[in-house]
Protein backbone atom coordinates (compact mmCIF):
# COMPACT_ATOMS: atom_id res chain seq x y z
CA UNK A 1 24.91 43.65 -9.75
CA UNK A 2 27.02 46.76 -10.06
CA UNK A 3 24.86 49.56 -8.41
CA UNK A 4 26.73 52.42 -10.02
CA UNK A 5 26.10 51.05 -13.48
CA UNK A 6 22.52 50.75 -12.67
CA UNK A 7 22.32 54.52 -11.70
CA UNK A 8 24.30 55.58 -14.65
CA UNK A 9 21.79 53.66 -16.85
CA UNK A 10 18.83 55.11 -15.25
CA UNK A 11 20.30 58.54 -15.83
CA UNK A 12 20.65 57.83 -19.38
CA UNK A 13 17.12 56.39 -20.12
CA UNK A 14 15.21 59.03 -17.97
CA UNK A 15 14.76 61.80 -20.66
CA UNK A 16 13.16 60.68 -24.12
CA UNK A 17 14.82 61.48 -27.33
CA UNK A 18 13.19 62.85 -30.62
CA UNK A 19 14.16 60.51 -33.78
CA UNK A 20 14.48 56.71 -34.54
CA UNK A 21 18.20 56.93 -34.28
CA UNK A 22 17.62 58.27 -30.61
CA UNK A 23 15.28 55.64 -29.82
CA UNK A 24 18.19 53.14 -29.92
CA UNK A 25 19.85 55.53 -27.26
CA UNK A 26 16.87 54.69 -24.87
CA UNK A 27 17.18 50.83 -25.12
CA UNK A 28 21.07 50.57 -25.57
CA UNK A 29 21.55 51.14 -21.77
CA UNK A 30 19.03 48.24 -21.15
CA UNK A 31 21.02 46.02 -23.27
CA UNK A 32 24.09 46.71 -21.25
CA UNK A 33 22.13 46.39 -18.07
CA UNK A 34 20.70 42.90 -19.09
CA UNK A 35 24.17 41.72 -19.48
CA UNK A 36 24.94 41.85 -15.79
CA UNK A 37 21.52 41.75 -14.14
CA UNK A 38 20.07 38.79 -12.51
CA UNK A 39 16.53 39.74 -13.28
CA UNK A 40 16.36 41.43 -16.55
CA UNK A 41 17.11 39.85 -19.83
CA UNK A 42 16.83 40.37 -23.66
CA UNK A 43 13.98 38.71 -25.10
CA UNK A 44 13.00 38.29 -28.61
CA UNK A 45 13.83 41.02 -31.17
CA UNK A 46 12.49 41.84 -34.77
CA UNK A 47 13.86 43.96 -37.58
CA UNK A 48 11.97 46.99 -39.06
CA UNK A 49 13.59 48.85 -41.95
CA UNK A 50 17.15 47.59 -41.16
CA UNK A 51 16.80 48.49 -37.33
CA UNK A 52 16.67 45.65 -34.78
CA UNK A 53 13.95 46.41 -32.27
CA UNK A 54 14.33 44.56 -29.03
CA UNK A 55 12.11 43.50 -26.20
CA UNK A 56 13.04 42.50 -22.61
CA UNK A 57 11.78 40.31 -19.83
CA UNK A 58 11.96 40.95 -16.36
CA UNK A 59 11.57 37.98 -13.81
CA UNK A 60 10.87 39.02 -10.35
CA UNK A 61 11.80 37.22 -7.19
CA UNK A 62 9.32 34.31 -6.61
CA UNK A 63 7.06 34.34 -3.34
CA UNK A 64 5.71 31.13 -3.70
CA UNK A 65 3.16 31.74 -6.43
CA UNK A 66 3.10 30.95 -10.14
CA UNK A 67 4.51 34.21 -11.71
CA UNK A 68 1.92 36.65 -13.14
CA UNK A 69 2.67 37.27 -16.70
CA UNK A 70 2.37 40.90 -18.05
CA UNK A 71 2.90 42.43 -21.23
CA UNK A 72 4.08 46.15 -21.38
CA UNK A 73 4.03 47.97 -24.58
CA UNK A 74 5.30 51.44 -25.32
CA UNK A 75 6.07 53.33 -28.59
CA UNK A 76 2.89 53.00 -30.50
CA UNK A 77 3.11 56.22 -32.26
CA UNK A 78 5.92 57.26 -34.50
CA UNK A 79 7.21 59.97 -31.98
CA UNK A 80 6.01 58.63 -28.65
CA UNK A 81 9.49 58.36 -26.93
CA UNK A 82 7.68 59.45 -23.76
CA UNK A 83 6.49 55.71 -23.16
CA UNK A 84 9.46 54.25 -24.37
CA UNK A 85 11.52 56.14 -21.94
CA UNK A 86 8.97 55.14 -19.23
CA UNK A 87 9.43 51.51 -19.78
CA UNK A 88 13.10 51.82 -19.89
CA UNK A 89 12.97 53.77 -16.59
CA UNK A 90 10.67 51.34 -15.11
CA UNK A 91 12.98 48.23 -15.84
CA UNK A 92 16.06 50.04 -14.56
CA UNK A 93 14.09 50.94 -10.99
CA UNK A 94 12.83 47.25 -10.84
CA UNK A 95 16.29 46.09 -11.07
CA UNK A 96 17.35 48.24 -8.40
CA UNK A 97 14.43 47.09 -6.29
CA UNK A 98 13.34 43.61 -7.79
CA UNK A 99 10.99 42.97 -4.96
CA UNK A 100 8.61 45.32 -6.31
CA UNK A 101 7.99 42.91 -9.18
CA UNK A 102 7.84 39.85 -7.02
CA UNK A 103 5.72 37.04 -8.62
CA UNK A 104 5.78 38.94 -11.91
CA UNK A 105 7.16 38.11 -15.42
CA UNK A 106 7.21 41.05 -17.16
CA UNK A 107 7.46 40.89 -20.97
CA UNK A 108 8.31 44.45 -22.00
CA UNK A 109 8.24 46.07 -25.61
CA UNK A 110 9.50 49.56 -25.37
CA UNK A 111 8.77 50.03 -29.16
CA UNK A 112 5.74 47.93 -29.86
CA UNK A 113 5.01 49.37 -33.25
CA UNK A 114 7.70 51.57 -34.85
CA UNK A 115 5.93 51.80 -38.18
CA UNK A 116 2.54 53.46 -37.02
CA UNK A 117 2.59 56.99 -37.87
CA UNK A 118 -1.21 57.72 -37.01
CA UNK A 119 -1.35 60.10 -33.68
CA UNK A 120 -4.56 58.30 -32.55
CA UNK A 121 -4.59 55.94 -29.68
CA UNK A 122 -4.81 52.18 -31.00
CA UNK A 123 -8.37 50.91 -31.34
CA UNK A 124 -8.22 47.64 -29.62
CA UNK A 125 -12.01 46.98 -30.12
CA UNK A 126 -11.40 46.69 -33.93
CA UNK A 127 -9.59 44.35 -36.13
CA UNK A 128 -6.39 46.56 -36.03
CA UNK A 129 -4.51 43.74 -34.58
CA UNK A 130 -5.78 40.64 -36.31
CA UNK A 131 -4.77 39.81 -39.91
CA UNK A 132 -2.99 43.21 -40.37
CA UNK A 133 -0.56 43.27 -43.06
CA UNK A 134 1.88 45.17 -40.68
CA UNK A 135 5.04 42.77 -39.76
CA UNK A 136 5.19 44.26 -36.36
CA UNK A 137 1.68 43.56 -35.58
CA UNK A 138 2.12 40.01 -36.67
CA UNK A 139 5.11 39.64 -34.53
CA UNK A 140 3.20 40.78 -31.56
CA UNK A 141 0.34 38.52 -32.18
CA UNK A 142 2.72 35.60 -32.12
CA UNK A 143 4.27 36.80 -28.97
CA UNK A 144 0.99 37.36 -27.08
CA UNK A 145 -0.25 33.91 -28.38
CA UNK A 146 2.94 32.16 -27.06
CA UNK A 147 3.18 34.01 -23.86
CA UNK A 148 -0.35 34.28 -22.65
CA UNK A 149 -0.25 37.19 -20.78
CA UNK A 150 -2.49 37.55 -17.79
CA UNK A 151 -2.67 41.35 -18.46
CA UNK A 152 -1.68 43.82 -21.15
CA UNK A 153 -0.55 47.30 -20.22
CA UNK A 154 0.02 49.73 -22.85
CA UNK A 155 1.53 53.37 -22.43
CA UNK A 156 1.03 56.49 -24.53
CA UNK A 157 2.76 59.65 -23.92
CA UNK A 158 2.07 63.19 -25.16
CA UNK A 159 -1.62 62.81 -25.52
CA UNK A 160 -4.00 65.62 -26.34
CA UNK A 161 -5.89 65.16 -22.98
CA UNK A 162 -6.17 67.49 -19.96
CA UNK A 163 -4.68 65.13 -17.24
CA UNK A 164 -3.39 61.56 -16.58
CA UNK A 165 -5.85 58.80 -17.44
CA UNK A 166 -5.90 55.11 -17.44
CA UNK A 167 -8.54 53.05 -19.56
CA UNK A 168 -9.15 49.59 -18.63
CA UNK A 169 -11.45 46.70 -19.53
CA UNK A 170 -12.09 45.50 -16.48
CA UNK A 171 -14.34 47.19 -13.77
CA UNK A 172 -12.71 44.94 -10.88
CA UNK A 173 -9.13 46.23 -11.97
CA UNK A 174 -10.42 49.54 -12.00
CA UNK A 175 -11.85 49.68 -8.50
CA UNK A 176 -8.99 47.45 -6.77
CA UNK A 177 -6.18 48.42 -8.88
CA UNK A 178 -6.19 51.54 -10.69
CA UNK A 179 -8.03 53.95 -8.20
CA UNK A 180 -5.59 53.17 -5.33
CA UNK A 181 -2.56 53.72 -7.82
CA UNK A 182 -3.78 57.29 -8.39
CA UNK A 183 -3.13 58.60 -4.93
CA UNK A 184 0.47 59.49 -5.42
CA UNK A 185 0.54 59.76 -9.37
CA UNK A 186 -1.43 63.06 -8.92
CA UNK A 187 1.51 64.58 -7.38
CA UNK A 188 3.50 64.12 -10.59
CA UNK A 189 0.88 65.12 -13.24
CA UNK A 190 -2.68 66.49 -13.21
CA UNK A 191 -5.33 64.19 -13.31
CA UNK A 192 -7.98 64.01 -16.04
CA UNK A 193 -11.78 64.67 -15.05
CA UNK A 194 -12.05 61.07 -15.47
CA UNK A 195 -8.76 59.41 -14.39
CA UNK A 196 -10.30 56.06 -14.81
CA UNK A 197 -12.39 54.90 -17.72
CA UNK A 198 -13.76 51.57 -18.21
CA UNK A 199 -14.08 50.07 -21.61
CA UNK A 200 -14.92 46.35 -21.86
CA UNK A 201 -14.16 46.33 -25.42
CA UNK A 202 -10.34 47.17 -24.61
CA UNK A 203 -9.89 43.36 -24.15
CA UNK A 204 -7.76 42.18 -26.70
CA UNK A 205 -9.17 38.82 -27.41
CA UNK A 206 -7.14 38.61 -30.56
CA UNK A 207 -4.06 38.49 -28.79
CA UNK A 208 -4.77 35.83 -26.11
CA UNK A 209 -7.13 35.34 -23.16
CA UNK A 210 -5.65 38.25 -20.96
CA UNK A 211 -7.59 39.04 -17.75
CA UNK A 212 -7.45 42.65 -18.56
CA UNK A 213 -6.10 45.15 -21.02
CA UNK A 214 -5.04 48.80 -19.74
CA UNK A 215 -3.92 51.99 -21.57
CA UNK A 216 -2.01 54.50 -19.61
CA UNK A 217 -2.08 57.94 -21.11
CA UNK A 218 -0.12 61.10 -20.03
CA UNK A 219 -0.97 64.72 -21.18
CA UNK A 220 1.25 66.27 -23.66
CA UNK A 221 1.21 69.72 -21.80
CA UNK A 222 3.39 68.28 -18.92
CA UNK A 223 7.11 67.85 -19.23
CA UNK A 224 8.36 64.71 -20.65
CA UNK A 225 10.17 63.86 -17.37
CA UNK A 226 7.00 64.08 -15.43
CA UNK A 227 5.27 62.02 -17.73
CA UNK A 228 7.80 59.27 -17.94
CA UNK A 229 7.94 59.38 -13.97
CA UNK A 230 4.14 59.15 -13.82
CA UNK A 231 3.85 56.29 -16.19
CA UNK A 232 6.76 54.24 -14.34
CA UNK A 233 5.33 54.88 -10.96
CA UNK A 234 1.85 54.04 -11.75
CA UNK A 235 2.95 50.84 -13.24
CA UNK A 236 4.68 49.78 -9.97
CA UNK A 237 1.77 50.67 -7.99
CA UNK A 238 -0.34 48.68 -10.32
CA UNK A 239 1.92 45.78 -9.61
CA UNK A 240 1.52 46.15 -6.07
CA UNK A 241 -2.23 46.40 -5.93
CA UNK A 242 -2.65 43.64 -8.68
CA UNK A 243 -0.47 41.36 -6.85
CA UNK A 244 -2.65 41.71 -3.61
CA UNK A 245 -5.70 41.22 -5.68
CA UNK A 246 -4.59 37.86 -7.00
CA UNK A 247 -3.17 36.92 -3.61
CA UNK A 248 -6.61 37.25 -2.35
CA UNK A 249 -8.30 35.64 -4.68
CA UNK A 250 -6.10 32.56 -4.21
CA UNK A 251 -7.10 32.62 -0.56
CA UNK A 252 -10.76 32.31 -1.09
């Protein structure tokens, strides 16, 4: 692929914007990259208030295993362009170094809920997702039912928290994947007093039998650039450690 084009794309998506029109400026470079990439492709899109909201799929090289299917979600809040920018940055970086996503199929939704205006974290333990009248939520329900993701990773930026934090539904994932992933993340952003929290109710059973669900949260008092880098880097570390965990399980 065209490396110069990829670097240019990275520079365009690194900094988040501040309005709905600018959100299109975040994913427009991804559309261009998807046209020439061997790994990244546009997935399904949906329309909200006359705007087409895209999604993407990144297929990493095969190492002999059945691809691990993960869903990556950002943009839950109306003004959360940090998580949207982080997913865009992640996809660009994976396209430059696809082996980081070996044996993964990453279904990515940079703006998972453009209609949501509440600043609260989504409560995955309630009926928020199931039977809701919101067309976007129904779209995600259909996506998850059809894709059967092995795991769901959601990102939220500009949170009112003291430091970087990950909330997960699985103690095994917390111990074997998340804690190791924090080692270098703390060089980019401060960590919360409880950087890893386990909430079994985060399991999004309504959206499919995923092995785990995870929310990555970054503090609003840190620069947007560092939040974006922390999210993108942490996901790459999660891919690395989760792949090792799955490989170890297959060998047992």
